[in-house]
Amino acid sequence: MPEGSTGPLSSEAPLVAAPQETIVTDRPERAHDFPAFPVSAAERSIETVSRFAGPLVFFVALGGIVWLFVK
């Protein structure tokens, strides 16, 4: 425990809650709010980009090495 700590709170310790104005609650959806972006669509797009990014980097690097040797 950190220095100065008295250990776990006793059952006699008062419970303190945050003031009501600082409590954040979910606000109701308004008509002009955009819908949340679906996580599944983001995952599919990341997987699609990743599928082509690996081979693309490989062939660009291979082409750069060949270009250095030919030049």
C-alpha atoms as a PDB file:
ATOM      1  CA  MET A   1       0.000   0.000   0.000  1.00  0.00           C
ATOM      2  CA  PRO A   2       1.156   3.554  -0.617  1.00  0.00           C
ATOM      3  CA  GLU A   3       2.820   5.419   2.179  1.00  0.00           C
ATOM      4  CA  GLY A   4       0.340   7.088   4.480  1.00  0.00           C
ATOM      5  CA  SER A   5      -2.403   4.620   3.647  1.00  0.00           C
ATOM      6  CA  THR A   6      -4.328   3.348   6.624  1.00  0.00           C
ATOM      7  CA  GLY A   7      -5.350   0.158   4.874  1.00  0.00           C
ATOM      8  CA  PRO A   8      -8.812  -0.884   3.788  1.00  0.00           C
ATOM      9  CA  LEU A   9     -11.723   1.271   4.873  1.00  0.00           C
ATOM     10  CA  SER A  10     -13.438   0.152   8.010  1.00  0.00           C
ATOM     11  CA  SER A  11     -17.141  -0.483   8.101  1.00  0.00           C
ATOM     12  CA  GLU A  12     -17.437   2.700  10.156  1.00  0.00           C
ATOM     13  CA  ALA A  13     -16.045   4.900   7.366  1.00  0.00           C
ATOM     14  CA  PRO A  14     -18.674   7.198   5.820  1.00  0.00           C
ATOM     15  CA  LEU A  15     -19.635   6.534   2.212  1.00  0.00           C
ATOM     16  CA  VAL A  16     -19.339   9.598   0.018  1.00  0.00           C
ATOM     17  CA  ALA A  17     -21.063   9.911  -3.357  1.00  0.00           C
ATOM     18  CA  ALA A  18     -20.369  12.393  -6.132  1.00  0.00           C
ATOM     19  CA  PRO A  19     -22.598  15.469  -6.240  1.00  0.00           C
ATOM     20  CA  GLN A  20     -25.676  14.978  -8.420  1.00  0.00           C
ATOM     21  CA  GLU A  21     -24.548  17.524 -11.050  1.00  0.00           C
ATOM     22  CA  THR A  22     -21.313  15.616 -11.744  1.00  0.00           C
ATOM     23  CA  ILE A  23     -22.972  12.261 -12.431  1.00  0.00           C
ATOM     24  CA  VAL A  24     -22.957  11.545 -16.159  1.00  0.00           C
ATOM     25  CA  THR A  25     -25.927   9.670 -17.535  1.00  0.00           C
ATOM     26  CA  ASP A  26     -26.769   8.514 -21.036  1.00  0.00           C
ATOM     27  CA  ARG A  27     -28.701  11.232 -22.745  1.00  0.00           C
ATOM     28  CA  PRO A  28     -31.672  10.335 -24.915  1.00  0.00           C
ATOM     29  CA  GLU A  29     -31.107  10.235 -28.663  1.00  0.00           C
ATOM     30  CA  ARG A  30     -32.078  13.425 -30.415  1.00  0.00           C
ATOM     31  CA  ALA A  31     -33.492  13.575 -33.932  1.00  0.00           C
ATOM     32  CA  HIS A  32     -30.369  15.194 -35.455  1.00  0.00           C
ATOM     33  CA  ASP A  33     -27.826  12.812 -33.887  1.00  0.00           C
ATOM     34  CA  PHE A  34     -26.020  10.469 -36.227  1.00  0.00           C
ATOM     35  CA  PRO A  35     -26.398   6.763 -35.504  1.00  0.00           C
ATOM     36  CA  ALA A  36     -23.431   5.053 -33.905  1.00  0.00           C
ATOM     37  CA  PHE A  37     -20.916   3.571 -36.338  1.00  0.00           C
ATOM     38  CA  PRO A  38     -21.338  -0.215 -36.334  1.00  0.00           C
ATOM     39  CA  VAL A  39     -18.281  -1.979 -34.962  1.00  0.00           C
ATOM     40  CA  SER A  40     -18.756  -4.941 -37.300  1.00  0.00           C
ATOM     41  CA  ALA A  41     -18.426  -2.657 -40.339  1.00  0.00           C
ATOM     42  CA  ALA A  42     -15.203  -1.207 -38.942  1.00  0.00           C
ATOM     43  CA  GLU A  43     -13.791  -4.682 -38.301  1.00  0.00           C
ATOM     44  CA  ARG A  44     -14.645  -5.834 -41.837  1.00  0.00           C
ATOM     45  CA  SER A  45     -13.017  -2.772 -43.406  1.00  0.00           C
ATOM     46  CA  ILE A  46      -9.860  -3.191 -41.289  1.00  0.00           C
ATOM     47  CA  GLU A  47      -9.652  -6.873 -42.248  1.00  0.00           C
ATOM     48  CA  THR A  48     -10.076  -6.002 -45.939  1.00  0.00           C
ATOM     49  CA  VAL A  49      -7.354  -3.354 -45.852  1.00  0.00           C
ATOM     50  CA  SER A  50      -5.054  -5.665 -43.900  1.00  0.00           C
ATOM     51  CA  ARG A  51      -5.564  -8.477 -46.401  1.00  0.00           C
ATOM     52  CA  PHE A  52      -4.133  -6.332 -49.209  1.00  0.00           C
ATOM     53  CA  ALA A  53      -1.654  -4.219 -47.241  1.00  0.00           C
ATOM     54  CA  GLY A  54       0.721  -7.078 -46.389  1.00  0.00           C
ATOM     55  CA  PRO A  55       1.284  -8.325 -49.951  1.00  0.00           C
ATOM     56  CA  LEU A  56       1.390  -4.741 -51.235  1.00  0.00           C
ATOM     57  CA  VAL A  57       4.208  -3.821 -48.846  1.00  0.00           C
ATOM     58  CA  PHE A  58       6.058  -7.012 -49.773  1.00  0.00           C
ATOM     59  CA  PHE A  59       5.895  -6.388 -53.522  1.00  0.00           C
ATOM     60  CA  VAL A  60       6.780  -2.690 -53.151  1.00  0.00           C
ATOM     61  CA  ALA A  61       9.845  -3.636 -51.084  1.00  0.00           C
ATOM     62  CA  LEU A  62      10.805  -6.364 -53.545  1.00  0.00           C
ATOM     63  CA  GLY A  63      10.383  -3.943 -56.450  1.00  0.00           C
ATOM     64  CA  GLY A  64      12.538  -1.359 -54.650  1.00  0.00           C
ATOM     65  CA  ILE A  65      15.322  -3.900 -54.137  1.00  0.00           C
ATOM     66  CA  VAL A  66      15.159  -4.955 -57.798  1.00  0.00           C
ATOM     67  CA  TRP A  67      15.157  -1.298 -58.862  1.00  0.00           C
ATOM     68  CA  LEU A  68      18.305  -0.643 -56.785  1.00  0.00           C
ATOM     69  CA  PHE A  69      20.112  -3.586 -58.414  1.00  0.00           C
ATOM     70  CA  VAL A  70      19.055  -2.625 -61.968  1.00  0.00           C
ATOM     71  CA  LYS A  71      19.853   1.046 -61.524  1.00  0.00           C
END
